[in-house]
Amino acid sequence: MKKDLPWVFSLRTIAVVGASADMRKPAHTVPQYLKEKGYTIIPVNPNADHIFGEKCYSSLRDIPGEIDIVQMFRPSEDIVDFVPDILAVSPKVLWMQLGIEDERVRKEAEAHGIFVVMNKCMMIEHKRLFGD
């Protein structure tokens, strides 16, 4: 069943794969914006201890508790490598940021009941739907 984007934004816990401490990168500015809007942001980056003032996890499987959205900030060609972890944590949504898409991953995730958004920026969509 297709759901539209406003439904996605009712979910509150976002695991950010590829989160960056570099404030110049979208992998920092987009999750920081969402955190400021009240979302719980869980950074996933094996090379950092803390980002956004939050504990970083090495992988999705290391995160305790439920994850509503897995937000991907990795190159399109790398997304397939994360499928086992994505399926293991079973989020409601897999969001591939602007410029990131993989049809094989979309089909696999949807086959497991995960709603998929590809090639869209979560911050841009949030602002479009709800204003700044």
C-alpha atoms as a PDB file:
ATOM      1  CA  MET A   1       0.000   0.000   0.000  1.00  0.00           C
ATOM      2  CA  LYS A   2       1.436   3.337  -1.016  1.00  0.00           C
ATOM      3  CA  LYS A   3       1.552   5.992   1.653  1.00  0.00           C
ATOM      4  CA  ASP A   4       2.367   9.627   1.011  1.00  0.00           C
ATOM      5  CA  LEU A   5       5.144  11.603   2.634  1.00  0.00           C
ATOM      6  CA  PRO A   6       3.206  13.376   5.404  1.00  0.00           C
ATOM      7  CA  TRP A   7       2.696   9.942   7.017  1.00  0.00           C
ATOM      8  CA  VAL A   8       6.452   9.404   7.075  1.00  0.00           C
ATOM      9  CA  PHE A   9       7.010  12.609   9.043  1.00  0.00           C
ATOM     10  CA  SER A  10       4.729  11.401  11.848  1.00  0.00           C
ATOM     11  CA  LEU A  11       7.477   8.901  12.728  1.00  0.00           C
ATOM     12  CA  ARG A  12       9.964  10.250  15.257  1.00  0.00           C
ATOM     13  CA  THR A  13      13.100   8.049  15.490  1.00  0.00           C
ATOM     14  CA  ILE A  14      15.608   8.311  12.642  1.00  0.00           C
ATOM     15  CA  ALA A  15      18.834   6.309  12.360  1.00  0.00           C
ATOM     16  CA  VAL A  16      21.193   8.246  10.081  1.00  0.00           C
ATOM     17  CA  VAL A  17      23.631   5.957   8.256  1.00  0.00           C
ATOM     18  CA  GLY A  18      26.650   7.975   7.193  1.00  0.00           C
ATOM     19  CA  ALA A  19      25.990  10.832   9.595  1.00  0.00           C
ATOM     20  CA  SER A  20      28.802  13.375   9.483  1.00  0.00           C
ATOM     21  CA  ALA A  21      30.369  15.684  12.061  1.00  0.00           C
ATOM     22  CA  ASP A  22      31.363  18.018   9.188  1.00  0.00           C
ATOM     23  CA  MET A  23      28.854  20.875   9.389  1.00  0.00           C
ATOM     24  CA  ARG A  24      29.376  21.632   5.674  1.00  0.00           C
ATOM     25  CA  LYS A  25      27.948  18.276   4.566  1.00  0.00           C
ATOM     26  CA  PRO A  26      24.269  17.432   4.033  1.00  0.00           C
ATOM     27  CA  ALA A  27      24.882  14.333   6.207  1.00  0.00           C
ATOM     28  CA  HIS A  28      25.215  16.833   9.062  1.00  0.00           C
ATOM     29  CA  THR A  29      22.882  19.692   8.151  1.00  0.00           C
ATOM     30  CA  VAL A  30      19.849  17.552   7.265  1.00  0.00           C
ATOM     31  CA  PRO A  31      19.803  15.431  10.463  1.00  0.00           C
ATOM     32  CA  GLN A  32      20.640  18.523  12.551  1.00  0.00           C
ATOM     33  CA  TYR A  33      17.607  20.292  11.054  1.00  0.00           C
ATOM     34  CA  LEU A  34      15.405  17.276  11.843  1.00  0.00           C
ATOM     35  CA  LYS A  35      16.750  17.137  15.400  1.00  0.00           C
ATOM     36  CA  GLU A  36      15.859  20.814  15.824  1.00  0.00           C
ATOM     37  CA  LYS A  37      12.330  19.943  14.646  1.00  0.00           C
ATOM     38  CA  GLY A  38      11.972  17.418  17.476  1.00  0.00           C
ATOM     39  CA  TYR A  39      12.987  14.150  15.849  1.00  0.00           C
ATOM     40  CA  THR A  40      15.190  11.677  17.700  1.00  0.00           C
ATOM     41  CA  ILE A  41      18.365  11.351  15.641  1.00  0.00           C
ATOM     42  CA  ILE A  42      20.632   8.323  16.054  1.00  0.00           C
ATOM     43  CA  PRO A  43      23.904   8.731  14.133  1.00  0.00           C
ATOM     44  CA  VAL A  44      25.451   5.634  12.562  1.00  0.00           C
ATOM     45  CA  ASN A  45      29.125   6.141  11.764  1.00  0.00           C
ATOM     46  CA  PRO A  46      31.856   3.702  12.807  1.00  0.00           C
ATOM     47  CA  ASN A  47      34.448   6.508  12.721  1.00  0.00           C
ATOM     48  CA  ALA A  48      32.863   8.792  15.323  1.00  0.00           C
ATOM     49  CA  ASP A  49      31.913   8.615  19.004  1.00  0.00           C
ATOM     50  CA  HIS A  50      29.339  11.437  19.035  1.00  0.00           C
ATOM     51  CA  ILE A  51      27.599  13.556  16.381  1.00  0.00           C
ATOM     52  CA  PHE A  52      24.832  16.113  17.048  1.00  0.00           C
ATOM     53  CA  GLY A  53      25.598  15.581  20.735  1.00  0.00           C
ATOM     54  CA  GLU A  54      24.337  11.996  20.353  1.00  0.00           C
ATOM     55  CA  LYS A  55      26.162   8.701  20.793  1.00  0.00           C
ATOM     56  CA  CYS A  56      27.252   7.233  17.467  1.00  0.00           C
ATOM     57  CA  TYR A  57      26.733   3.581  16.645  1.00  0.00           C
ATOM     58  CA  SER A  58      28.957   1.504  14.384  1.00  0.00           C
ATOM     59  CA  SER A  59      26.030  -0.208  12.680  1.00  0.00           C
ATOM     60  CA  LEU A  60      22.247  -0.252  12.631  1.00  0.00           C
ATOM     61  CA  ARG A  61      22.248  -3.558  14.528  1.00  0.00           C
ATOM     62  CA  ASP A  62      24.057  -1.907  17.469  1.00  0.00           C
ATOM     63  CA  ILE A  63      21.211   0.523  18.124  1.00  0.00           C
ATOM     64  CA  PRO A  64      19.057  -0.447  21.099  1.00  0.00           C
ATOM     65  CA  GLY A  65      15.324   0.019  20.675  1.00  0.00           C
ATOM     66  CA  GLU A  66      13.062   0.596  17.723  1.00  0.00           C
ATOM     67  CA  ILE A  67      14.027   2.567  14.626  1.00  0.00           C
ATOM     68  CA  ASP A  68      11.210   4.194  12.647  1.00  0.00           C
ATOM     69  CA  ILE A  69      13.249   5.497   9.710  1.00  0.00           C
ATOM     70  CA  VAL A  70      16.644   4.523   8.325  1.00  0.00           C
ATOM     71  CA  GLN A  71      18.009   7.551   6.494  1.00  0.00           C
ATOM     72  CA  MET A  72      20.874   6.795   4.105  1.00  0.00           C
ATOM     73  CA  PHE A  73      23.760   9.158   3.401  1.00  0.00           C
ATOM     74  CA  ARG A  74      25.935   6.699   1.489  1.00  0.00           C
ATOM     75  CA  PRO A  75      26.647   6.447  -2.243  1.00  0.00           C
ATOM     76  CA  SER A  76      23.980   4.613  -4.244  1.00  0.00           C
ATOM     77  CA  GLU A  77      26.370   1.775  -5.054  1.00  0.00           C
ATOM     78  CA  ASP A  78      26.957   1.138  -1.325  1.00  0.00           C
ATOM     79  CA  ILE A  79      23.295   0.919  -0.281  1.00  0.00           C
ATOM     80  CA  VAL A  80      22.949  -2.765  -1.203  1.00  0.00           C
ATOM     81  CA  ASP A  81      25.618  -3.604   1.401  1.00  0.00           C
ATOM     82  CA  PHE A  82      23.320  -2.274   4.138  1.00  0.00           C
ATOM     83  CA  VAL A  83      20.284  -4.388   3.187  1.00  0.00           C
ATOM     84  CA  PRO A  84      20.934  -7.177   5.740  1.00  0.00           C
ATOM     85  CA  ASP A  85      21.179  -4.621   8.564  1.00  0.00           C
ATOM     86  CA  ILE A  86      18.154  -2.685   7.325  1.00  0.00           C
ATOM     87  CA  LEU A  87      16.058  -5.852   7.213  1.00  0.00           C
ATOM     88  CA  ALA A  88      17.363  -6.909  10.642  1.00  0.00           C
ATOM     89  CA  VAL A  89      16.209  -3.687  12.323  1.00  0.00           C
ATOM     90  CA  SER A  90      12.967  -3.624  10.314  1.00  0.00           C
ATOM     91  CA  PRO A  91      12.247   0.110  10.114  1.00  0.00           C
ATOM     92  CA  LYS A  92       8.916   1.384   8.836  1.00  0.00           C
ATOM     93  CA  VAL A  93      10.726   3.565   6.272  1.00  0.00           C
ATOM     94  CA  LEU A  94      13.974   3.464   4.311  1.00  0.00           C
ATOM     95  CA  TRP A  95      14.841   6.972   3.111  1.00  0.00           C
ATOM     96  CA  MET A  96      17.612   7.380   0.536  1.00  0.00           C
ATOM     97  CA  GLN A  97      18.653  11.030   0.409  1.00  0.00           C
ATOM     98  CA  LEU A  98      18.812  13.252  -2.666  1.00  0.00           C
ATOM     99  CA  GLY A  99      20.959  11.631  -5.363  1.00  0.00           C
ATOM    100  CA  ILE A 100      20.775   8.168  -3.772  1.00  0.00           C
ATOM    101  CA  GLU A 101      18.721   5.372  -5.305  1.00  0.00           C
ATOM    102  CA  ASP A 102      18.855   1.642  -5.922  1.00  0.00           C
ATOM    103  CA  GLU A 103      15.902  -0.190  -7.451  1.00  0.00           C
ATOM    104  CA  ARG A 104      17.102  -3.597  -6.194  1.00  0.00           C
ATOM    105  CA  VAL A 105      17.177  -2.275  -2.633  1.00  0.00           C
ATOM    106  CA  ARG A 106      13.758  -0.654  -3.048  1.00  0.00           C
ATOM    107  CA  LYS A 107      12.214  -3.923  -4.232  1.00  0.00           C
ATOM    108  CA  GLU A 108      13.845  -5.937  -1.444  1.00  0.00           C
ATOM    109  CA  ALA A 109      12.802  -3.492   1.267  1.00  0.00           C
ATOM    110  CA  GLU A 110       9.243  -3.210  -0.041  1.00  0.00           C
ATOM    111  CA  ALA A 111       8.999  -7.017  -0.172  1.00  0.00           C
ATOM    112  CA  HIS A 112       9.625  -6.887   3.611  1.00  0.00           C
ATOM    113  CA  GLY A 113       6.945  -4.252   4.210  1.00  0.00           C
ATOM    114  CA  ILE A 114       9.298  -1.259   4.400  1.00  0.00           C
ATOM    115  CA  PHE A 115       8.110   1.979   2.760  1.00  0.00           C
ATOM    116  CA  VAL A 116      10.902   3.374   0.559  1.00  0.00           C
ATOM    117  CA  VAL A 117      11.721   6.932  -0.459  1.00  0.00           C
ATOM    118  CA  MET A 118      14.549   7.438  -2.951  1.00  0.00           C
ATOM    119  CA  ASN A 119      16.360  10.484  -4.303  1.00  0.00           C
ATOM    120  CA  LYS A 120      14.649  12.995  -2.006  1.00  0.00           C
ATOM    121  CA  CYS A 121      16.022  15.216   0.724  1.00  0.00           C
ATOM    122  CA  MET A 122      14.204  14.759   4.010  1.00  0.00           C
ATOM    123  CA  MET A 123      14.855  18.382   5.025  1.00  0.00           C
ATOM    124  CA  ILE A 124      13.551  19.784   1.720  1.00  0.00           C
ATOM    125  CA  GLU A 125      10.457  17.595   1.908  1.00  0.00           C
ATOM    126  CA  HIS A 126       9.824  18.537   5.548  1.00  0.00           C
ATOM    127  CA  LYS A 127      10.076  22.254   4.709  1.00  0.00           C
ATOM    128  CA  ARG A 128       7.837  21.811   1.653  1.00  0.00           C
ATOM    129  CA  LEU A 129       5.157  20.017   3.651  1.00  0.00           C
ATOM    130  CA  PHE A 130       5.337  21.876   6.962  1.00  0.00           C
ATOM    131  CA  GLY A 131       7.240  25.123   6.381  1.00  0.00           C
ATOM    132  CA  ASP A 132      10.418  26.111   8.179  1.00  0.00           C
END
